[in-house]
Amino acid sequence: MRSGENRRRKGYRLKLLQDLPKNPRYSILLEPVWAIPGTIVLFYAPLYMKEAGLSDIEIGLINSVNLYFAFIFQLFAGSITNKLGRKRTTLIFDLLAWSVPMFIWAFSQNFWLFLIAYLLNATSKFVTVAFNCLIIEDVEEHKRSKVFAILNMIITGAGVLTPIAGVVIADYGIVPTLASIYFVGGILMTAMFFIRNRYTDETEVGKELMGLHSKTRVLQSLGSSLRLFGKSFYKRRLFPIILITVLSNLILQLNFFQVIFFKEQLKFDDRVISFIPVVTAVTVMLLYLVIIPRLKRRSEEKYVGFSIVLSTAGAILFLLIPVGNIGMLFLTLIVLAAGNFILQTYRDSLLMNRLGTHEKADMFSAVQTVMTLTAIPSGYLTGLLYHHNPTLLFSVILGLYVVLMVIMFFLPDPQKHSQVLETYKNM
């Protein structure tokens, strides 16, 4: 019975991925190795820093410095990705942005060690561009939302293991538990990065651009990508999508203190907090596996608009959670999880599909640069706002969702376009 059930599960996984090319297929299969330790440590990172003795202002300052250097690195991400290739860039900067910092975090007990680790982690901006191109460029356009959805589901789904960490934290404390997870996670991630590099190939577009950029200086390539991005502001069909991407990322940055708010202001203990990612994970899995397949096929623009409305409703509910009310907490988490999952999945797919074939790395890097630039002051300001009035911080988040609702009315008609930008040959 058990062997038959295992074969059915394996068959389902293969069926789910069999229509995808090699790069996204292996990346999806290996993603849990990063997602499981990564999700746990990122969720508890603010509390870990708090327990290590850092103040709200210091935590916010580290976040801002991380974002500032991320902005600098992001400027060069597209040109480096085109020069070195998607595959090589992903490996180099995964090791630099995750493997090394994970080991530093494991032994961090003061402001300066945390700062060094977060500075190295800022190089993950190179990975964001290179990895997205690596897994998407050889995939048919209508299947790209599926790739993003599965990856988002895996990352969110890894949250089901946080209660285990919560139980251990309750018995042994946050610092020793998280330090162990950082260390073991660093080993697992490093192994995964090399294995994924072994089983993925450079994309066809990547090979072509490596040839074109082999003798191009990085600064020259940077100038070309910035000029290309500047033209996007005059593209009526592309600008609202970029704006939604940038502002929704800013909201993500402002939510950094959410777990601290749950513990300090709403008085939930560590065991309840450990179940927050579980509620999010179950919601996302039900959405992807049960609800979304039964919905009528609609345009990505429609799903983005619906997700913004849902997220706004969740932000309102967030401000209404009574102290210690677990039922209201979980209801709010369900609404927010549904809205954020749909938004991230279809927003990313929509953006990648609207960028020209040869411009993806440069344009995606430029969009990420603007995202980082707007987020730079958010870390420090988030710390200040939370220190002054925690509720005010989440009121600002609600205000940004309202702005997104206004922008969604300017999303282009999906019936009237194919790709927004021309190729380099037409520039």
Foldseek 3Di string as FASTA:
>chain_A
DVVVVVVVVVVVLCVLPVQFDQQLSLCLVLLLLLQQLVLQCLLCVVVLVVVLPDALLLQLQLLLLLLVLLLVLLLLLLLVCLQVFLLVLLLVLLCQQQLVLLLLLLPDNDSVSSSVNSNSNSNCSSNVLSSLCQRPLVGDLVCQLVSLLSSVLSNLLSLLCLLVLLVVCVVPNDNNSSSVSSNVSSVSSNVSSVVSSVRGDGDPLSVVSNVVSNPPDSVNVSVVLVVQLVVQCVQLQQVLLLVLVLLVLLLVLLCSCVLVCCCPPLPDDSNLSSCLSVLLSVLSCCCVPPPVVPDDDDALLVLLLVLLVLLLVLLVLVLVDHRPDSVSVSVSSSSNSVSVSSNSSSSVSVNQQQADSNSSSSNVSVSVSSSSVVNSSSSSVSSVCCVVPVSVSSVVSSVSSVVSNVSSVSNDDPVPDGHRDDDPVVD
